[in-house]
Amino acid sequence: MGNRINAAVEEIIRKFVKNPKFEEEIRKLIGGSIDTSELDREYDGLNFRYI
C-alpha cells in the first residue's frame, strides 16, 4: 500500500512540475529554469522496476 501512495504522490508532483503555469511561477520565484530531464529518467527507471 505504501508503494501505491508513493507512486500517487510522485505522479502529482510530476504533473505540477510539467505544468507550464507552475513552471512560470517557480521561475519568477527563483529566477531560473527547471530541468526535469533527470527526474524523468529517474521516474522511468523506478517505474520500470515496479511494473
N, C-alpha and C. Protein backbone atom coordinates (compact mmCIF):
# COMPACT_ATOMS: atom_id res chain seq x y z
N MET A 1 0.82 -1.19 0.00
CA MET A 1 0.00 0.00 0.00
C MET A 1 0.87 1.26 0.00
N GLY A 2 1.98 1.22 0.73
CA GLY A 2 2.87 2.37 0.77
C GLY A 2 3.42 2.73 -0.59
N ASN A 3 3.72 1.71 -1.41
CA ASN A 3 4.23 1.98 -2.76
C ASN A 3 3.18 2.68 -3.61
N ARG A 4 1.92 2.31 -3.44
CA ARG A 4 0.84 2.96 -4.21
C ARG A 4 0.71 4.43 -3.82
N ILE A 5 0.84 4.70 -2.52
CA ILE A 5 0.76 6.08 -2.06
C ILE A 5 1.95 6.87 -2.59
N ASN A 6 3.15 6.30 -2.49
CA ASN A 6 4.34 6.97 -3.01
C ASN A 6 4.20 7.25 -4.50
N ALA A 7 3.68 6.29 -5.23
CA ALA A 7 3.50 6.46 -6.67
C ALA A 7 2.49 7.57 -6.97
N ALA A 8 1.43 7.62 -6.17
CA ALA A 8 0.41 8.66 -6.37
C ALA A 8 0.99 10.04 -6.09
N VAL A 9 1.74 10.16 -5.00
CA VAL A 9 2.37 11.44 -4.66
C VAL A 9 3.36 11.84 -5.75
N GLU A 10 4.14 10.89 -6.22
CA GLU A 10 5.11 11.16 -7.27
C GLU A 10 4.41 11.65 -8.54
N GLU A 11 3.31 11.03 -8.89
CA GLU A 11 2.58 11.43 -10.09
C GLU A 11 2.03 12.85 -9.96
N ILE A 12 1.52 13.18 -8.79
CA ILE A 12 1.01 14.54 -8.56
C ILE A 12 2.14 15.55 -8.71
N ILE A 13 3.28 15.27 -8.12
CA ILE A 13 4.43 16.18 -8.21
C ILE A 13 4.86 16.32 -9.66
N ARG A 14 4.92 15.22 -10.40
CA ARG A 14 5.31 15.28 -11.81
C ARG A 14 4.34 16.14 -12.61
N LYS A 15 3.05 16.03 -12.33
CA LYS A 15 2.07 16.85 -13.05
C LYS A 15 2.26 18.32 -12.73
N PHE A 16 2.54 18.65 -11.47
CA PHE A 16 2.82 20.04 -11.12
C PHE A 16 4.02 20.55 -11.89
N VAL A 17 5.10 19.80 -11.87
CA VAL A 17 6.35 20.24 -12.48
C VAL A 17 6.20 20.41 -13.99
N LYS A 18 5.39 19.58 -14.62
CA LYS A 18 5.21 19.67 -16.07
C LYS A 18 4.19 20.74 -16.48
N ASN A 19 3.49 21.30 -15.51
CA ASN A 19 2.50 22.34 -15.79
C ASN A 19 3.22 23.65 -16.10
N PRO A 20 2.99 24.22 -17.30
CA PRO A 20 3.68 25.46 -17.68
C PRO A 20 3.43 26.62 -16.72
N LYS A 21 2.23 26.72 -16.18
CA LYS A 21 1.94 27.80 -15.24
C LYS A 21 2.75 27.62 -13.95
N PHE A 22 2.84 26.41 -13.46
CA PHE A 22 3.65 26.12 -12.27
C PHE A 22 5.10 26.49 -12.53
N GLU A 23 5.61 26.08 -13.68
CA GLU A 23 6.99 26.39 -14.04
C GLU A 23 7.21 27.90 -14.10
N GLU A 24 6.26 28.60 -14.69
CA GLU A 24 6.37 30.06 -14.80
C GLU A 24 6.44 30.71 -13.42
N GLU A 25 5.60 30.25 -12.51
CA GLU A 25 5.59 30.82 -11.16
C GLU A 25 6.88 30.49 -10.41
N ILE A 26 7.38 29.28 -10.57
CA ILE A 26 8.64 28.91 -9.92
C ILE A 26 9.78 29.74 -10.49
N ARG A 27 9.79 29.93 -11.79
CA ARG A 27 10.84 30.76 -12.41
C ARG A 27 10.82 32.17 -11.84
N LYS A 28 9.63 32.70 -11.63
CA LYS A 28 9.53 34.02 -11.03
C LYS A 28 10.17 34.04 -9.64
N LEU A 29 9.95 32.97 -8.89
CA LEU A 29 10.48 32.90 -7.53
C LEU A 29 11.99 32.71 -7.49
N ILE A 30 12.52 31.87 -8.36
CA ILE A 30 13.95 31.56 -8.29
C ILE A 30 14.76 32.19 -9.40
N GLY A 31 14.09 32.73 -10.41
CA GLY A 31 14.80 33.42 -11.48
C GLY A 31 15.63 32.51 -12.36
N GLY A 32 15.24 31.26 -12.52
CA GLY A 32 15.99 30.33 -13.36
C GLY A 32 15.05 29.42 -14.12
N SER A 33 15.59 28.34 -14.61
CA SER A 33 14.76 27.38 -15.34
C SER A 33 14.73 26.06 -14.60
N ILE A 34 13.74 25.26 -14.94
CA ILE A 34 13.58 23.95 -14.32
C ILE A 34 13.88 22.90 -15.38
N ASP A 35 14.84 22.04 -15.08
CA ASP A 35 15.18 20.95 -15.99
C ASP A 35 14.69 19.66 -15.35
N THR A 36 13.64 19.09 -15.91
CA THR A 36 13.06 17.88 -15.33
C THR A 36 13.59 16.61 -15.98
N SER A 37 14.55 16.71 -16.87
CA SER A 37 15.01 15.53 -17.59
C SER A 37 15.59 14.48 -16.64
N GLU A 38 16.34 14.90 -15.64
CA GLU A 38 16.90 13.93 -14.69
C GLU A 38 15.78 13.26 -13.89
N LEU A 39 14.80 14.02 -13.47
CA LEU A 39 13.66 13.44 -12.75
C LEU A 39 12.88 12.49 -13.65
N ASP A 40 12.72 12.84 -14.91
CA ASP A 40 12.03 11.97 -15.85
C ASP A 40 12.75 10.64 -16.01
N ARG A 41 14.08 10.69 -16.13
CA ARG A 41 14.86 9.45 -16.26
C ARG A 41 14.74 8.60 -14.99
N GLU A 42 14.81 9.24 -13.83
CA GLU A 42 14.68 8.50 -12.57
C GLU A 42 13.30 7.88 -12.45
N TYR A 43 12.27 8.65 -12.81
CA TYR A 43 10.90 8.14 -12.77
C TYR A 43 10.75 6.92 -13.68
N ASP A 44 11.27 7.03 -14.91
CA ASP A 44 11.17 5.92 -15.85
C ASP A 44 11.87 4.68 -15.31
N GLY A 45 13.04 4.87 -14.69
CA GLY A 45 13.76 3.75 -14.11
C GLY A 45 13.01 3.12 -12.96
N LEU A 46 12.45 3.94 -12.09
CA LEU A 46 11.67 3.42 -10.97
C LEU A 46 10.40 2.75 -11.46
N ASN A 47 9.75 3.35 -12.41
CA ASN A 47 8.53 2.80 -12.95
C ASN A 47 8.79 1.42 -13.57
N PHE A 48 9.90 1.29 -14.27
CA PHE A 48 10.25 0.02 -14.90
C PHE A 48 10.47 -1.06 -13.85
N ARG A 49 11.09 -0.70 -12.72
CA ARG A 49 11.38 -1.69 -11.67
C ARG A 49 10.12 -2.20 -11.00
N TYR A 50 9.09 -1.36 -10.88
CA TYR A 50 7.90 -1.74 -10.14
C TYR A 50 6.80 -2.33 -11.00
N ILE A 51 6.99 -2.33 -12.30
CA ILE A 51 5.94 -2.89 -13.17
C ILE A 51 6.12 -4.37 -13.32
